[in-house]
């Protein structure tokens, strides 16, 4: 006798979202995840938020470069002036 797949609850979706996005869930677990999302707007919104967060974090990582020497010196000078004014 084949048993019915157990429906996921929201807590399980939150715990599995990283694996879902990485594509590492088993086909059965992914199907249950997708089925839960189809009927749960809050979990669908949560998944969208996680995706957006990951995309923004990736964009930040790609955009972050160390400042060139001139900019670093200018920032240092601004800090020294600001720090000196605060301590005066």
N, C-alpha and C. Protein backbone atom coordinates (compact mmCIF):
# COMPACT_ATOMS: atom_id res chain seq x y z
N UNK A 1 0.82 -1.17 0.00
CA UNK A 1 0.00 0.00 0.00
C UNK A 1 0.88 1.25 0.00
N UNK A 2 0.67 2.11 -0.97
CA UNK A 2 1.43 3.37 -1.04
C UNK A 2 0.77 4.39 -0.14
N UNK A 3 1.57 5.07 0.63
CA UNK A 3 1.00 6.09 1.51
C UNK A 3 1.00 7.43 0.80
N UNK A 4 0.05 8.28 1.21
CA UNK A 4 -0.05 9.63 0.67
C UNK A 4 1.14 10.45 1.15
N UNK A 5 1.70 11.31 0.30
CA UNK A 5 2.78 12.17 0.78
C UNK A 5 2.26 13.11 1.85
N UNK A 6 3.09 13.34 2.83
CA UNK A 6 2.72 14.22 3.94
C UNK A 6 2.87 15.67 3.48
N UNK A 7 1.85 16.48 3.74
CA UNK A 7 1.87 17.88 3.35
C UNK A 7 2.86 18.65 4.22
N UNK A 8 3.59 19.55 3.60
CA UNK A 8 4.50 20.39 4.35
C UNK A 8 3.74 21.46 5.11
N UNK A 9 4.29 21.86 6.24
CA UNK A 9 3.75 22.99 6.98
C UNK A 9 4.72 24.16 6.79
N UNK A 10 4.26 25.36 7.11
CA UNK A 10 5.06 26.57 6.86
C UNK A 10 6.45 26.49 7.49
N UNK A 11 6.54 26.00 8.69
CA UNK A 11 7.84 25.90 9.37
C UNK A 11 8.81 25.06 8.54
N UNK A 12 8.33 23.99 7.96
CA UNK A 12 9.21 23.15 7.14
C UNK A 12 9.63 23.87 5.86
N UNK A 13 8.74 24.67 5.30
CA UNK A 13 9.08 25.43 4.11
C UNK A 13 10.23 26.38 4.43
N UNK A 14 10.13 27.08 5.55
CA UNK A 14 11.19 28.00 5.96
C UNK A 14 12.51 27.25 6.13
N UNK A 15 12.45 26.07 6.70
CA UNK A 15 13.68 25.28 6.92
C UNK A 15 14.28 24.76 5.60
N UNK A 16 13.44 24.57 4.59
CA UNK A 16 13.90 23.97 3.34
C UNK A 16 14.17 24.99 2.23
N UNK A 17 13.91 26.26 2.48
CA UNK A 17 13.99 27.25 1.40
C UNK A 17 15.39 27.33 0.78
N UNK A 18 16.44 27.20 1.56
CA UNK A 18 17.79 27.25 1.01
C UNK A 18 18.05 26.08 0.07
N UNK A 19 17.65 24.90 0.49
CA UNK A 19 17.82 23.72 -0.36
C UNK A 19 16.97 23.83 -1.62
N UNK A 20 15.77 24.38 -1.48
CA UNK A 20 14.88 24.57 -2.62
C UNK A 20 15.55 25.47 -3.65
N UNK A 21 16.06 26.61 -3.20
CA UNK A 21 16.69 27.55 -4.12
C UNK A 21 17.98 27.00 -4.72
N UNK A 22 18.68 26.16 -3.98
CA UNK A 22 19.92 25.56 -4.48
C UNK A 22 19.64 24.39 -5.42
N UNK A 23 18.38 23.93 -5.44
CA UNK A 23 18.03 22.80 -6.30
C UNK A 23 18.49 21.46 -5.77
N UNK A 24 18.64 21.36 -4.45
CA UNK A 24 19.14 20.13 -3.87
C UNK A 24 18.07 19.28 -3.19
N UNK A 25 16.81 19.71 -3.27
CA UNK A 25 15.73 18.90 -2.70
C UNK A 25 15.48 17.69 -3.60
N UNK A 26 15.06 16.61 -2.99
CA UNK A 26 14.68 15.44 -3.78
C UNK A 26 13.45 15.81 -4.62
N UNK A 27 13.20 15.11 -5.71
CA UNK A 27 12.02 15.42 -6.52
C UNK A 27 10.72 15.38 -5.71
N UNK A 28 10.59 14.43 -4.79
CA UNK A 28 9.39 14.33 -3.97
C UNK A 28 9.26 15.54 -3.04
N UNK A 29 10.36 15.90 -2.39
CA UNK A 29 10.33 17.04 -1.48
C UNK A 29 10.06 18.34 -2.24
N UNK A 30 10.63 18.46 -3.43
CA UNK A 30 10.39 19.66 -4.24
C UNK A 30 8.93 19.74 -4.65
N UNK A 31 8.33 18.63 -5.01
CA UNK A 31 6.91 18.61 -5.39
C UNK A 31 6.05 19.03 -4.20
N UNK A 32 6.36 18.53 -3.01
CA UNK A 32 5.59 18.91 -1.82
C UNK A 32 5.79 20.40 -1.51
N UNK A 33 7.01 20.88 -1.70
CA UNK A 33 7.32 22.30 -1.48
C UNK A 33 6.49 23.15 -2.43
N UNK A 34 6.52 22.80 -3.73
CA UNK A 34 5.76 23.55 -4.74
C UNK A 34 4.25 23.49 -4.45
N UNK A 35 3.78 22.35 -4.01
CA UNK A 35 2.36 22.20 -3.68
C UNK A 35 1.99 23.13 -2.52
N UNK A 36 2.84 23.21 -1.52
CA UNK A 36 2.58 24.08 -0.39
C UNK A 36 2.55 25.54 -0.85
N UNK A 37 3.52 25.93 -1.68
CA UNK A 37 3.57 27.31 -2.17
C UNK A 37 2.31 27.68 -2.94
N UNK A 38 1.78 26.75 -3.69
CA UNK A 38 0.58 27.01 -4.50
C UNK A 38 -0.61 27.43 -3.65
N UNK A 39 -0.65 26.99 -2.39
CA UNK A 39 -1.78 27.31 -1.53
C UNK A 39 -1.44 28.19 -0.34
N UNK A 40 -0.23 28.76 -0.32
CA UNK A 40 0.18 29.53 0.85
C UNK A 40 0.84 30.84 0.43
N UNK A 41 0.05 31.91 0.30
CA UNK A 41 0.63 33.21 -0.07
C UNK A 41 1.75 33.69 0.87
N UNK A 42 1.65 33.51 2.19
CA UNK A 42 2.75 33.98 3.04
C UNK A 42 4.08 33.27 2.73
N UNK A 43 4.06 31.98 2.47
CA UNK A 43 5.30 31.27 2.15
C UNK A 43 5.81 31.67 0.77
N UNK A 44 4.89 31.93 -0.16
CA UNK A 44 5.29 32.41 -1.48
C UNK A 44 5.98 33.76 -1.35
N UNK A 45 5.44 34.64 -0.51
CA UNK A 45 6.05 35.95 -0.29
C UNK A 45 7.42 35.79 0.39
N UNK A 46 7.51 34.88 1.34
CA UNK A 46 8.78 34.63 2.03
C UNK A 46 9.84 34.17 1.04
N UNK A 47 9.48 33.25 0.16
CA UNK A 47 10.41 32.76 -0.85
C UNK A 47 10.88 33.91 -1.74
N UNK A 48 9.96 34.78 -2.15
CA UNK A 48 10.32 35.93 -2.97
C UNK A 48 11.28 36.86 -2.23
N UNK A 49 11.05 37.05 -0.94
CA UNK A 49 11.93 37.91 -0.14
C UNK A 49 13.33 37.31 -0.05
N UNK A 50 13.42 36.01 0.15
CA UNK A 50 14.73 35.35 0.23
C UNK A 50 15.45 35.47 -1.11
N UNK A 51 14.73 35.24 -2.20
CA UNK A 51 15.34 35.38 -3.53
C UNK A 51 15.88 36.80 -3.74
N UNK A 52 15.07 37.79 -3.41
CA UNK A 52 15.47 39.19 -3.58
C UNK A 52 16.70 39.50 -2.72
N UNK A 53 16.70 39.03 -1.48
CA UNK A 53 17.83 39.25 -0.59
C UNK A 53 19.11 38.64 -1.17
N UNK A 54 19.01 37.44 -1.68
CA UNK A 54 20.19 36.78 -2.26
C UNK A 54 20.68 37.52 -3.50
N UNK A 55 19.74 37.99 -4.33
CA UNK A 55 20.12 38.73 -5.53
C UNK A 55 20.82 40.05 -5.16
N UNK A 56 20.26 40.76 -4.18
CA UNK A 56 20.86 42.03 -3.76
C UNK A 56 22.24 41.80 -3.15
N UNK A 57 22.37 40.76 -2.36
CA UNK A 57 23.66 40.46 -1.74
C UNK A 57 24.69 40.12 -2.82
N UNK A 58 24.28 39.39 -3.84
CA UNK A 58 25.19 39.06 -4.94
C UNK A 58 25.60 40.32 -5.69
N UNK A 59 24.64 41.22 -5.91
CA UNK A 59 24.95 42.49 -6.58
C UNK A 59 25.94 43.30 -5.77
N UNK A 60 25.76 43.34 -4.46
CA UNK A 60 26.69 44.08 -3.60
C UNK A 60 28.08 43.49 -3.68
N UNK A 61 28.15 42.18 -3.67
CA UNK A 61 29.45 41.52 -3.75
C UNK A 61 30.16 41.82 -5.06
N UNK A 62 29.41 41.86 -6.15
CA UNK A 62 30.00 42.14 -7.45
C UNK A 62 30.41 43.60 -7.57
N UNK A 63 29.70 44.48 -6.88
CA UNK A 63 29.97 45.91 -7.00
C UNK A 63 31.05 46.39 -6.04
N UNK A 64 31.34 45.60 -5.02
CA UNK A 64 32.30 46.09 -4.03
C UNK A 64 33.72 45.88 -4.51
N UNK A 65 34.41 46.98 -4.64
CA UNK A 65 35.81 46.97 -4.99
C UNK A 65 36.52 47.91 -4.02
N UNK A 66 37.74 47.61 -3.68
CA UNK A 66 38.44 48.52 -2.77
C UNK A 66 38.59 49.88 -3.43
N UNK A 67 38.53 50.95 -2.65
CA UNK A 67 38.69 52.28 -3.24
C UNK A 67 40.11 52.45 -3.77
N UNK A 68 40.23 53.28 -4.82
CA UNK A 68 41.58 53.55 -5.31
C UNK A 68 42.35 54.36 -4.26
N UNK A 69 43.64 54.49 -4.45
CA UNK A 69 44.48 55.14 -3.43
C UNK A 69 44.07 56.58 -3.15
N UNK A 70 43.73 57.32 -4.19
CA UNK A 70 43.36 58.72 -4.02
C UNK A 70 42.07 58.83 -3.19
N UNK A 71 41.09 58.03 -3.51
CA UNK A 71 39.84 58.06 -2.76
C UNK A 71 40.08 57.64 -1.31
N UNK A 72 40.90 56.61 -1.10
CA UNK A 72 41.20 56.16 0.25
C UNK A 72 41.86 57.28 1.06
N UNK A 73 42.78 58.02 0.42
CA UNK A 73 43.45 59.13 1.11
C UNK A 73 42.46 60.25 1.44
N UNK A 74 41.57 60.56 0.51
CA UNK A 74 40.57 61.60 0.74
C UNK A 74 39.64 61.22 1.89
N UNK A 75 39.22 59.98 1.92
CA UNK A 75 38.35 59.52 3.00
C UNK A 75 39.09 59.57 4.34
N UNK A 76 40.36 59.18 4.32
CA UNK A 76 41.15 59.24 5.54
C UNK A 76 41.30 60.67 6.05
N UNK A 77 41.54 61.60 5.12
CA UNK A 77 41.68 63.00 5.49
C UNK A 77 40.37 63.55 6.06
N UNK A 78 39.25 63.21 5.43
CA UNK A 78 37.95 63.64 5.96
C UNK A 78 37.72 63.10 7.37
N UNK A 79 38.08 61.86 7.58
CA UNK A 79 37.90 61.26 8.91
C UNK A 79 38.78 61.97 9.93
N UNK A 80 40.04 62.23 9.55
CA UNK A 80 40.94 62.89 10.50
C UNK A 80 40.43 64.29 10.86
N UNK A 81 39.92 65.03 9.87
CA UNK A 81 39.37 66.36 10.16
C UNK A 81 38.13 66.25 11.05
N UNK A 82 37.25 65.33 10.71
CA UNK A 82 36.02 65.13 11.49
C UNK A 82 36.37 64.74 12.93
N UNK A 83 37.33 63.81 13.05
CA UNK A 83 37.73 63.33 14.38
C UNK A 83 38.37 64.46 15.18
N UNK A 84 39.20 65.30 14.52
CA UNK A 84 39.84 66.42 15.19
C UNK A 84 38.83 67.45 15.65
N UNK A 85 37.81 67.71 14.82
CA UNK A 85 36.78 68.68 15.19
C UNK A 85 35.95 68.19 16.38
N UNK A 86 35.71 66.92 16.44
CA UNK A 86 34.92 66.35 17.54
C UNK A 86 35.69 66.43 18.85
N UNK A 87 37.00 66.32 18.79
CA UNK A 87 37.81 66.31 20.00
C UNK A 87 38.29 67.69 20.40
N UNK A 88 37.89 68.71 19.66
CA UNK A 88 38.32 70.09 19.99
C UNK A 88 37.42 70.71 21.02
